[in-house]
Amino acid sequence: MENYDDNLLDRSVLFVENYFEKDKKSEITTKDGVFYSRHSVLTLIDKTCMMFASTYEGRVKATRHNLKQHKKTTLLISEDGLAAYPTKSPDHPDCVWIFNHHYRLETIAPNRTRIFFDEFKVSTEVNVSIGILQKQRSRMYEMIYYYSNVREKHKS
């Protein structure tokens, strides 16, 4: 469990969630372990978006405009396919951002689901239904597909 402030979010991230202890504001679970940051989840996401010439707000605005996703908007962080979706409103303290890796879902209770990243032997539980996670994953893949088609059409 190391500090992660020197690094931005990348392809190794499985999920990011709020964390409220001392100077730590977010917990980043990656293929390589768990890290903490003094930055909030949305600040980390925004800083990563800015590395790819946009902002969190700009990417959300574009996806809302292009795909009509007005709530719990999925996010294409970089053009190389780094993407994530929120399990709840991004402002909700219980929101977890799930990144685009292969995972499976298991219902624990009507509004509680376990997410298994089998390849990395990592799991987590979130306070939303399996249906919401399935819908959000589908919306994320729709968004990735949409933007990959846009890129293909504009290649020289």
Protein backbone atom coordinates (compact mmCIF):
# COMPACT_ATOMS: atom_id res chain seq x y z
CA MET A 1 0.00 0.00 0.00
CA GLU A 2 1.98 2.90 -1.35
CA ASN A 3 1.44 6.52 -2.14
CA TYR A 4 0.33 7.06 -5.75
CA ASP A 5 0.53 10.84 -6.10
CA ASP A 6 3.47 10.80 -8.50
CA ASN A 7 1.53 8.70 -10.99
CA LEU A 8 -1.63 9.35 -12.92
CA LEU A 9 -4.31 6.81 -13.69
CA ASP A 10 -3.30 4.37 -16.41
CA ARG A 11 -4.13 1.01 -18.01
CA SER A 12 -3.17 -0.85 -14.83
CA VAL A 13 -6.06 0.66 -12.82
CA LEU A 14 -8.98 -1.67 -12.09
CA PHE A 15 -11.08 0.69 -9.97
CA VAL A 16 -10.79 3.89 -7.93
CA GLU A 17 -12.84 4.85 -4.92
CA ASN A 18 -13.06 7.57 -2.31
CA TYR A 19 -11.03 7.01 0.83
CA PHE A 20 -11.36 9.05 3.99
CA GLU A 21 -8.39 8.62 6.32
CA LYS A 22 -5.74 11.17 7.30
CA ASP A 23 -4.25 12.71 4.14
CA LYS A 24 -5.59 10.02 1.82
CA LYS A 25 -8.59 10.94 -0.34
CA SER A 26 -8.67 8.08 -2.82
CA GLU A 27 -7.80 4.41 -3.04
CA ILE A 28 -6.54 3.14 -6.39
CA THR A 29 -6.68 -0.60 -6.99
CA THR A 30 -4.43 -1.71 -9.83
CA LYS A 31 -3.12 -4.92 -11.34
CA ASP A 32 -0.07 -4.39 -9.12
CA GLY A 33 -1.74 -3.65 -5.79
CA VAL A 34 -3.51 -0.93 -3.84
CA PHE A 35 -2.25 2.65 -3.75
CA TYR A 36 -3.48 5.84 -2.08
CA SER A 37 -3.58 9.44 -3.16
CA ARG A 38 -4.03 12.73 -1.35
CA HIS A 39 -6.10 13.82 -4.38
CA SER A 40 -9.82 13.12 -4.71
CA VAL A 41 -10.99 10.62 -7.30
CA LEU A 42 -12.34 13.36 -9.58
CA THR A 43 -9.10 15.34 -9.28
CA LEU A 44 -7.09 12.25 -10.29
CA ILE A 45 -9.40 11.65 -13.25
CA ASP A 46 -9.24 15.32 -14.27
CA LYS A 47 -5.41 15.39 -14.07
CA THR A 48 -5.24 12.25 -16.22
CA CYS A 49 -7.67 13.70 -18.78
CA MET A 50 -5.49 16.82 -18.97
CA MET A 51 -2.48 14.66 -19.91
CA PHE A 52 -4.52 13.83 -23.03
CA ALA A 53 -5.44 17.45 -23.89
CA SER A 54 -8.85 17.66 -22.27
CA THR A 55 -10.51 17.88 -18.86
CA TYR A 56 -12.95 15.70 -16.99
CA GLU A 57 -15.68 18.28 -17.62
CA GLY A 58 -14.85 18.48 -21.33
CA ARG A 59 -14.98 14.72 -21.81
CA VAL A 60 -18.25 14.43 -19.89
CA LYS A 61 -19.74 17.27 -21.95
CA ALA A 62 -18.70 15.58 -25.22
CA THR A 63 -20.14 12.20 -24.24
CA ARG A 64 -23.38 13.77 -23.04
CA HIS A 65 -23.68 15.61 -26.35
CA ASN A 66 -22.71 12.72 -28.62
CA LEU A 67 -24.30 9.78 -26.81
CA LYS A 68 -27.04 11.44 -24.73
CA GLN A 69 -25.68 9.94 -21.49
CA HIS A 70 -26.87 12.55 -19.02
CA LYS A 71 -26.51 10.69 -15.72
CA LYS A 72 -23.57 8.65 -14.48
CA THR A 73 -21.80 9.54 -17.72
CA THR A 74 -19.14 7.09 -18.86
CA LEU A 75 -15.74 8.55 -19.55
CA LEU A 76 -13.18 8.06 -22.31
CA ILE A 77 -10.07 9.30 -20.53
CA SER A 78 -7.63 8.89 -23.42
CA GLU A 79 -7.86 8.12 -27.12
CA ASP A 80 -6.05 4.82 -26.66
CA GLY A 81 -9.12 3.40 -24.92
CA LEU A 82 -8.53 4.17 -21.25
CA ALA A 83 -12.12 4.42 -20.07
CA ALA A 84 -14.17 4.12 -16.90
CA TYR A 85 -17.67 4.48 -15.54
CA PRO A 86 -19.09 5.62 -12.21
CA THR A 87 -21.29 3.28 -10.17
CA LYS A 88 -23.25 6.26 -8.80
CA SER A 89 -23.28 9.99 -9.32
CA PRO A 90 -19.59 11.01 -9.35
CA ASP A 91 -20.29 13.41 -6.47
CA HIS A 92 -21.66 10.62 -4.25
CA PRO A 93 -19.13 9.55 -1.59
CA ASP A 94 -19.97 5.89 -2.30
CA CYS A 95 -19.19 6.17 -6.04
CA VAL A 96 -16.61 3.74 -7.40
CA TRP A 97 -15.06 4.24 -10.85
CA ILE A 98 -14.71 0.93 -12.69
CA PHE A 99 -12.10 0.84 -15.47
CA ASN A 100 -12.36 -1.15 -18.70
CA HIS A 101 -10.95 -4.55 -17.83
CA HIS A 102 -12.59 -7.95 -18.05
CA TYR A 103 -14.58 -8.77 -14.92
CA ARG A 104 -17.56 -10.79 -13.79
CA LEU A 105 -20.38 -9.84 -11.47
CA GLU A 106 -22.15 -11.60 -8.62
CA THR A 107 -25.25 -10.40 -6.77
CA ILE A 108 -24.82 -10.25 -3.00
CA ALA A 109 -28.07 -8.41 -2.23
CA PRO A 110 -30.56 -6.43 -4.34
CA ASN A 111 -28.38 -3.30 -4.15
CA ARG A 112 -24.98 -4.86 -3.52
CA THR A 113 -22.75 -6.56 -6.11
CA ARG A 114 -19.33 -8.19 -6.04
CA ILE A 115 -17.00 -7.49 -8.97
CA PHE A 116 -14.32 -10.10 -9.74
CA PHE A 117 -11.25 -9.26 -11.79
CA ASP A 118 -10.27 -12.93 -12.02
CA GLU A 119 -7.15 -12.37 -14.13
CA PHE A 120 -5.64 -10.25 -11.34
CA LYS A 121 -7.17 -12.12 -8.36
CA VAL A 122 -8.89 -8.93 -7.19
CA SER A 123 -12.49 -8.35 -6.14
CA THR A 124 -14.52 -5.57 -4.59
CA GLU A 125 -18.08 -4.96 -3.47
CA VAL A 126 -20.17 -1.98 -4.50
CA ASN A 127 -23.50 -0.69 -3.24
CA VAL A 128 -25.43 -0.87 -6.51
CA SER A 129 -27.43 -3.57 -8.25
CA ILE A 130 -25.94 -5.92 -10.80
CA GLY A 131 -28.33 -4.38 -13.36
CA ILE A 132 -26.81 -0.92 -12.93
CA LEU A 133 -23.30 -2.31 -13.39
CA GLN A 134 -24.33 -4.23 -16.51
CA LYS A 135 -25.96 -1.11 -17.95
CA GLN A 136 -22.95 1.07 -17.15
CA ARG A 137 -20.53 -1.46 -18.68
CA SER A 138 -22.68 -1.58 -21.82
CA ARG A 139 -22.75 2.23 -22.03
CA MET A 140 -18.96 2.35 -21.61
CA TYR A 141 -18.43 -0.12 -24.47
CA GLU A 142 -20.91 1.83 -26.62
CA MET A 143 -18.90 4.99 -25.92
CA ILE A 144 -15.54 3.33 -26.74
CA TYR A 145 -17.02 1.98 -29.99
CA TYR A 146 -18.47 5.37 -30.92
CA TYR A 147 -15.20 7.24 -30.43
CA SER A 148 -13.12 4.56 -32.16
CA ASN A 149 -15.40 4.92 -35.22
CA VAL A 150 -15.02 8.70 -35.12
CA ARG A 151 -11.22 8.31 -35.08
CA GLU A 152 -11.30 5.85 -37.99
CA LYS A 153 -13.42 8.22 -40.11
CA HIS A 154 -10.99 11.09 -39.54
CA LYS A 155 -7.74 9.27 -40.25
CA SER A 156 -5.85 10.59 -43.23
